[in-house]
Amino acid sequence: MTKILMYTRTVCPYCDQAKALFKRYNLAIEEINLDEDLSRMDEMIQKTGRRTVPQIFINHEPVGGCDDLYALERAGKLKTMLMGED
């Protein structure tokens, strides 16, 4: 089963775009909203080296942000990652 983890903020159009893409694949997202728990920001930075949201992980692998996610889709690699296809 595909596991998706996203660090987000409440008002973030890029977070909303990333969530919409996963919704098209009918996949649930584990969301860590930094506005609700700012202490998780350090955790995100330590894992990614980045301070911006969203930060996305698919099956524990860092994907990056929204632009990175859509780049994977355009390249035809996202479906493979999500569905475990070869």
Foldseek 3Di string as FASTA:
>chain_A
DKAKEWEAEDDDVQQVLQVVVVVVVVDDYHYHHCVVPVVCQVVVCVLPVDNDDTFMDIPNHTQGTSVSQVVCVVVVNNCCSRVVDD
